[in-house]
Every structure is written in C-alpha cells, then in structure tokens.
Amino acid sequence: MAALQAADLAILWLTWTNYFGASCVILFL
C-alpha cells in the first residue's frame, strides 16, 4: 500500500512540475 501511495505521489509531483514548467515556458515566450 505504501509503495502504491509513493507511486501516486511521484506521478502527481511529475504532473505538477510539468504543468509548472510549461507555464513558465509560455510566460517566457
């Protein structure tokens, strides 16, 4: 159960960092 939760957290973190990165790129363009 803990491993599943860790995987969920990793996916969520990646999604947020990708979203934030894309937002920064759009702002800088």
PDB file of N, CA and C in Angstrom:
ATOM      1  N   MET A   1       0.842  -1.204   0.000  1.00  0.00           N
ATOM      2  CA  MET A   1       0.000   0.000   0.000  1.00  0.00           C
ATOM      3  C   MET A   1       0.879   1.257   0.000  1.00  0.00           C
ATOM      4  N   ALA A   2       1.952   1.223   0.776  1.00  0.00           N
ATOM      5  CA  ALA A   2       2.835   2.392   0.855  1.00  0.00           C
ATOM      6  C   ALA A   2       3.520   2.654  -0.489  1.00  0.00           C
ATOM      7  N   ALA A   3       3.890   1.568  -1.182  1.00  0.00           N
ATOM      8  CA  ALA A   3       4.560   1.710  -2.484  1.00  0.00           C
ATOM      9  C   ALA A   3       3.604   2.344  -3.490  1.00  0.00           C
ATOM     10  N   LEU A   4       2.340   1.917  -3.435  1.00  0.00           N
ATOM     11  CA  LEU A   4       1.330   2.457  -4.345  1.00  0.00           C
ATOM     12  C   LEU A   4       1.148   3.948  -4.080  1.00  0.00           C
ATOM     13  N   GLN A   5       1.114   4.308  -2.803  1.00  0.00           N
ATOM     14  CA  GLN A   5       0.937   5.714  -2.433  1.00  0.00           C
ATOM     15  C   GLN A   5       2.146   6.538  -2.896  1.00  0.00           C
ATOM     16  N   ALA A   6       3.343   5.951  -2.781  1.00  0.00           N
ATOM     17  CA  ALA A   6       4.555   6.645  -3.210  1.00  0.00           C
ATOM     18  C   ALA A   6       4.534   6.862  -4.721  1.00  0.00           C
ATOM     19  N   ALA A   7       4.065   5.856  -5.454  1.00  0.00           N
ATOM     20  CA  ALA A   7       3.984   5.964  -6.917  1.00  0.00           C
ATOM     21  C   ALA A   7       2.983   7.050  -7.292  1.00  0.00           C
ATOM     22  N   ASP A   8       1.861   7.077  -6.583  1.00  0.00           N
ATOM     23  CA  ASP A   8       0.839   8.101  -6.829  1.00  0.00           C
ATOM     24  C   ASP A   8       1.423   9.497  -6.601  1.00  0.00           C
ATOM     25  N   LEU A   9       2.185   9.632  -5.512  1.00  0.00           N
ATOM     26  CA  LEU A   9       2.799  10.917  -5.191  1.00  0.00           C
ATOM     27  C   LEU A   9       3.788  11.333  -6.268  1.00  0.00           C
ATOM     28  N   ALA A  10       4.576  10.371  -6.746  1.00  0.00           N
ATOM     29  CA  ALA A  10       5.575  10.661  -7.779  1.00  0.00           C
ATOM     30  C   ALA A  10       4.894  11.136  -9.057  1.00  0.00           C
ATOM     31  N   ILE A  11       3.811  10.456  -9.442  1.00  0.00           N
ATOM     32  CA  ILE A  11       3.069  10.829 -10.652  1.00  0.00           C
ATOM     33  C   ILE A  11       2.475  12.226 -10.492  1.00  0.00           C
ATOM     34  N   LEU A  12       1.909  12.481  -9.306  1.00  0.00           N
ATOM     35  CA  LEU A  12       1.298  13.781  -9.040  1.00  0.00           C
ATOM     36  C   LEU A  12       2.357  14.883  -9.106  1.00  0.00           C
ATOM     37  N   TRP A  13       3.525  14.604  -8.496  1.00  0.00           N
ATOM     38  CA  TRP A  13       4.614  15.581  -8.483  1.00  0.00           C
ATOM     39  C   TRP A  13       5.098  15.861  -9.898  1.00  0.00           C
ATOM     40  N   LEU A  14       5.250  14.803 -10.705  1.00  0.00           N
ATOM     41  CA  LEU A  14       5.701  14.969 -12.090  1.00  0.00           C
ATOM     42  C   LEU A  14       4.690  15.781 -12.886  1.00  0.00           C
ATOM     43  N   THR A  15       3.408  15.499 -12.658  1.00  0.00           N
ATOM     44  CA  THR A  15       2.358  16.221 -13.375  1.00  0.00           C
ATOM     45  C   THR A  15       2.430  17.707 -13.046  1.00  0.00           C
ATOM     46  N   TRP A  16       2.591  18.018 -11.754  1.00  0.00           N
ATOM     47  CA  TRP A  16       2.640  19.419 -11.336  1.00  0.00           C
ATOM     48  C   TRP A  16       3.881  20.127 -11.849  1.00  0.00           C
ATOM     49  N   THR A  17       5.037  19.433 -11.817  1.00  0.00           N
ATOM     50  CA  THR A  17       6.268  20.072 -12.287  1.00  0.00           C
ATOM     51  C   THR A  17       6.197  20.301 -13.791  1.00  0.00           C
ATOM     52  N   ASN A  18       5.611  19.352 -14.519  1.00  0.00           N
ATOM     53  CA  ASN A  18       5.468  19.506 -15.970  1.00  0.00           C
ATOM     54  C   ASN A  18       4.533  20.668 -16.274  1.00  0.00           C
ATOM     55  N   TYR A  19       3.435  20.772 -15.519  1.00  0.00           N
ATOM     56  CA  TYR A  19       2.464  21.848 -15.714  1.00  0.00           C
ATOM     57  C   TYR A  19       3.117  23.200 -15.411  1.00  0.00           C
ATOM     58  N   PHE A  20       3.854  23.253 -14.304  1.00  0.00           N
ATOM     59  CA  PHE A  20       4.524  24.489 -13.904  1.00  0.00           C
ATOM     60  C   PHE A  20       5.593  24.873 -14.923  1.00  0.00           C
ATOM     61  N   GLY A  21       6.346  23.870 -15.393  1.00  0.00           N
ATOM     62  CA  GLY A  21       7.394  24.114 -16.387  1.00  0.00           C
ATOM     63  C   GLY A  21       6.797  24.657 -17.672  1.00  0.00           C
ATOM     64  N   ALA A  22       5.683  24.075 -18.105  1.00  0.00           N
ATOM     65  CA  ALA A  22       5.026  24.522 -19.336  1.00  0.00           C
ATOM     66  C   ALA A  22       4.536  25.956 -19.161  1.00  0.00           C
ATOM     67  N   SER A  23       4.004  26.272 -17.988  1.00  0.00           N
ATOM     68  CA  SER A  23       3.505  27.624 -17.716  1.00  0.00           C
ATOM     69  C   SER A  23       4.659  28.627 -17.789  1.00  0.00           C
ATOM     70  N   CYS A  24       5.809  28.254 -17.234  1.00  0.00           N
ATOM     71  CA  CYS A  24       6.976  29.142 -17.258  1.00  0.00           C
ATOM     72  C   CYS A  24       7.431  29.369 -18.690  1.00  0.00           C
ATOM     73  N   VAL A  25       7.466  28.293 -19.474  1.00  0.00           N
ATOM     74  CA  VAL A  25       7.898  28.395 -20.873  1.00  0.00           C
ATOM     75  C   VAL A  25       6.965  29.323 -21.639  1.00  0.00           C
ATOM     76  N   ILE A  26       5.663  29.170 -21.417  1.00  0.00           N
ATOM     77  CA  ILE A  26       4.675  30.010 -22.100  1.00  0.00           C
ATOM     78  C   ILE A  26       4.851  31.475 -21.686  1.00  0.00           C
ATOM     79  N   LEU A  27       5.127  31.696 -20.392  1.00  0.00           N
ATOM     80  CA  LEU A  27       5.305  33.070 -19.910  1.00  0.00           C
ATOM     81  C   LEU A  27       6.549  33.708 -20.514  1.00  0.00           C
ATOM     82  N   PHE A  28       7.605  32.907 -20.693  1.00  0.00           N
ATOM     83  CA  PHE A  28       8.864  33.444 -21.208  1.00  0.00           C
ATOM     84  C   PHE A  28       8.861  33.615 -22.720  1.00  0.00           C
ATOM     85  N   LEU A  29       7.908  33.004 -23.416  1.00  0.00           N
ATOM     86  CA  LEU A  29       7.895  33.098 -24.882  1.00  0.00           C
ATOM     87  C   LEU A  29       7.438  34.476 -25.354  1.00  0.00           C
TER      88      LEU A  29
END
